[in-house]
Amino acid sequence: MADTEGTHPLHTAWSIWELCEMSKENYANKLHNLYMFKAVEDFWGYWNNLPSQVLNASSPIY
């Protein structure tokens, strides 16, 4: 159900992460939080406008 502002809030916040595999750091240090969102609209707003350097990188995003 949408809130009064017309958004669809999530129960908990979610994040999109990038794994920098080229780094020699331990696993936890290789992860970089790209974006945290709390509503469905925030996710799609970010996902549909990912920076080109993220899309062209060889590092996977989760």
N, C-alpha and C. Protein backbone atom coordinates (compact mmCIF):
# COMPACT_ATOMS: atom_id res chain seq x y z
N MET A 1 0.83 -1.18 0.00
CA MET A 1 0.00 0.00 0.00
C MET A 1 0.88 1.25 0.00
N ALA A 2 0.56 2.21 -0.81
CA ALA A 2 1.33 3.44 -0.91
C ALA A 2 1.10 4.33 0.30
N ASP A 3 2.13 5.10 0.67
CA ASP A 3 1.94 6.05 1.76
C ASP A 3 1.29 7.33 1.23
N THR A 4 1.15 8.33 2.06
CA THR A 4 0.44 9.55 1.68
C THR A 4 1.15 10.34 0.59
N GLU A 5 2.44 10.12 0.38
CA GLU A 5 3.19 10.83 -0.65
C GLU A 5 3.18 10.07 -1.97
N GLY A 6 2.51 8.93 -2.04
CA GLY A 6 2.45 8.17 -3.27
C GLY A 6 3.62 7.24 -3.50
N THR A 7 4.43 7.01 -2.47
CA THR A 7 5.54 6.06 -2.60
C THR A 7 5.16 4.73 -1.97
N HIS A 8 5.94 3.72 -2.26
CA HIS A 8 5.72 2.38 -1.72
C HIS A 8 6.92 2.02 -0.84
N PRO A 9 6.86 2.35 0.46
CA PRO A 9 7.98 2.10 1.35
C PRO A 9 8.22 0.60 1.56
N LEU A 10 9.48 0.26 1.75
CA LEU A 10 9.87 -1.11 2.06
C LEU A 10 9.89 -1.29 3.58
N HIS A 11 9.76 -2.53 4.03
CA HIS A 11 9.81 -2.81 5.47
C HIS A 11 11.14 -2.41 6.07
N THR A 12 12.21 -2.71 5.35
CA THR A 12 13.57 -2.35 5.78
C THR A 12 14.31 -1.74 4.60
N ALA A 13 15.36 -1.03 4.89
CA ALA A 13 16.19 -0.44 3.83
C ALA A 13 16.99 -1.54 3.13
N TRP A 14 17.23 -1.35 1.85
CA TRP A 14 18.03 -2.26 1.03
C TRP A 14 19.18 -1.48 0.42
N SER A 15 20.21 -2.20 -0.02
CA SER A 15 21.37 -1.54 -0.63
C SER A 15 21.77 -2.25 -1.91
N ILE A 16 22.41 -1.49 -2.79
CA ILE A 16 23.05 -2.04 -3.98
C ILE A 16 24.55 -1.95 -3.72
N TRP A 17 25.23 -3.08 -3.89
CA TRP A 17 26.66 -3.18 -3.58
C TRP A 17 27.46 -3.47 -4.83
N GLU A 18 28.71 -3.02 -4.83
CA GLU A 18 29.67 -3.33 -5.88
C GLU A 18 30.79 -4.14 -5.24
N LEU A 19 31.22 -5.20 -5.93
CA LEU A 19 32.33 -6.02 -5.46
C LEU A 19 33.54 -5.69 -6.32
N CYS A 20 34.55 -5.09 -5.72
CA CYS A 20 35.77 -4.72 -6.43
C CYS A 20 36.74 -5.89 -6.37
N GLU A 21 36.62 -6.80 -7.32
CA GLU A 21 37.40 -8.03 -7.30
C GLU A 21 38.88 -7.80 -7.55
N MET A 22 39.25 -6.70 -8.16
CA MET A 22 40.65 -6.45 -8.46
C MET A 22 41.44 -6.07 -7.22
N SER A 23 40.75 -5.69 -6.18
CA SER A 23 41.40 -5.29 -4.94
C SER A 23 41.99 -6.52 -4.25
N LYS A 24 43.09 -6.32 -3.57
CA LYS A 24 43.72 -7.42 -2.82
C LYS A 24 43.28 -7.41 -1.35
N GLU A 25 42.31 -6.58 -1.03
CA GLU A 25 41.78 -6.49 0.33
C GLU A 25 40.99 -7.76 0.66
N ASN A 26 40.62 -7.92 1.94
CA ASN A 26 39.75 -9.03 2.31
C ASN A 26 38.35 -8.76 1.75
N TYR A 27 37.51 -9.76 1.79
CA TYR A 27 36.19 -9.69 1.15
C TYR A 27 35.37 -8.49 1.60
N ALA A 28 35.31 -8.25 2.90
CA ALA A 28 34.50 -7.14 3.43
C ALA A 28 34.99 -5.80 2.90
N ASN A 29 36.29 -5.65 2.73
CA ASN A 29 36.84 -4.39 2.23
C ASN A 29 36.66 -4.23 0.73
N LYS A 30 36.34 -5.31 0.02
CA LYS A 30 36.11 -5.24 -1.42
C LYS A 30 34.70 -4.75 -1.75
N LEU A 31 33.79 -4.84 -0.79
CA LEU A 31 32.41 -4.43 -1.02
C LEU A 31 32.24 -2.93 -0.81
N HIS A 32 31.55 -2.29 -1.75
CA HIS A 32 31.28 -0.86 -1.66
C HIS A 32 29.79 -0.63 -1.83
N ASN A 33 29.19 0.04 -0.87
CA ASN A 33 27.77 0.35 -0.93
C ASN A 33 27.57 1.49 -1.93
N LEU A 34 26.86 1.20 -3.03
CA LEU A 34 26.61 2.22 -4.04
C LEU A 34 25.41 3.07 -3.70
N TYR A 35 24.36 2.44 -3.15
CA TYR A 35 23.12 3.18 -2.92
C TYR A 35 22.24 2.42 -1.94
N MET A 36 21.62 3.12 -1.01
CA MET A 36 20.66 2.52 -0.09
C MET A 36 19.30 3.15 -0.36
N PHE A 37 18.26 2.33 -0.40
CA PHE A 37 16.93 2.84 -0.69
C PHE A 37 15.92 2.27 0.28
N LYS A 38 14.83 3.02 0.47
CA LYS A 38 13.79 2.63 1.43
C LYS A 38 12.42 2.55 0.79
N ALA A 39 12.33 2.79 -0.52
CA ALA A 39 11.05 2.73 -1.22
C ALA A 39 11.27 2.15 -2.61
N VAL A 40 10.26 1.52 -3.14
CA VAL A 40 10.33 0.91 -4.48
C VAL A 40 10.72 1.96 -5.51
N GLU A 41 10.14 3.13 -5.42
CA GLU A 41 10.41 4.20 -6.39
C GLU A 41 11.87 4.66 -6.33
N ASP A 42 12.46 4.66 -5.13
CA ASP A 42 13.87 5.03 -4.99
C ASP A 42 14.76 4.02 -5.70
N PHE A 43 14.45 2.73 -5.54
CA PHE A 43 15.23 1.70 -6.23
C PHE A 43 15.19 1.91 -7.73
N TRP A 44 13.99 2.00 -8.31
CA TRP A 44 13.88 2.13 -9.77
C TRP A 44 14.45 3.44 -10.27
N GLY A 45 14.34 4.50 -9.48
CA GLY A 45 14.94 5.77 -9.87
C GLY A 45 16.44 5.67 -10.00
N TYR A 46 17.08 4.93 -9.08
CA TYR A 46 18.53 4.73 -9.14
C TYR A 46 18.89 3.73 -10.23
N TRP A 47 18.22 2.58 -10.25
CA TRP A 47 18.55 1.50 -11.17
C TRP A 47 18.45 1.95 -12.63
N ASN A 48 17.43 2.74 -12.93
CA ASN A 48 17.24 3.20 -14.31
C ASN A 48 18.19 4.31 -14.70
N ASN A 49 18.95 4.82 -13.74
CA ASN A 49 19.89 5.91 -14.01
C ASN A 49 21.27 5.61 -13.43
N LEU A 50 21.66 4.32 -13.44
CA LEU A 50 22.97 3.95 -12.92
C LEU A 50 24.05 4.75 -13.64
N PRO A 51 25.03 5.25 -12.91
CA PRO A 51 26.13 5.95 -13.57
C PRO A 51 26.83 5.04 -14.57
N SER A 52 27.23 5.60 -15.71
CA SER A 52 27.82 4.79 -16.78
C SER A 52 29.09 4.08 -16.32
N GLN A 53 29.86 4.67 -15.40
CA GLN A 53 31.07 4.00 -14.94
C GLN A 53 30.76 2.73 -14.17
N VAL A 54 29.60 2.65 -13.53
CA VAL A 54 29.19 1.43 -12.84
C VAL A 54 28.79 0.37 -13.85
N LEU A 55 28.05 0.76 -14.88
CA LEU A 55 27.60 -0.19 -15.89
C LEU A 55 28.75 -0.73 -16.72
N ASN A 56 29.78 0.06 -16.95
CA ASN A 56 30.90 -0.36 -17.78
C ASN A 56 32.01 -1.06 -16.99
N ALA A 57 31.91 -1.06 -15.70
CA ALA A 57 32.95 -1.67 -14.86
C ALA A 57 32.87 -3.19 -14.94
N SER A 58 34.00 -3.83 -14.73
CA SER A 58 34.02 -5.29 -14.74
C SER A 58 33.62 -5.86 -13.38
N SER A 59 33.47 -5.02 -12.38
CA SER A 59 33.07 -5.46 -11.05
C SER A 59 31.57 -5.73 -11.02
N PRO A 60 31.16 -6.85 -10.45
CA PRO A 60 29.72 -7.14 -10.36
C PRO A 60 29.03 -6.24 -9.34
N ILE A 61 27.73 -6.03 -9.57
CA ILE A 61 26.93 -5.30 -8.60
C ILE A 61 25.84 -6.23 -8.09
N TYR A 62 25.50 -6.07 -6.82
CA TYR A 62 24.50 -6.92 -6.17
C TYR A 62 23.46 -6.06 -5.51
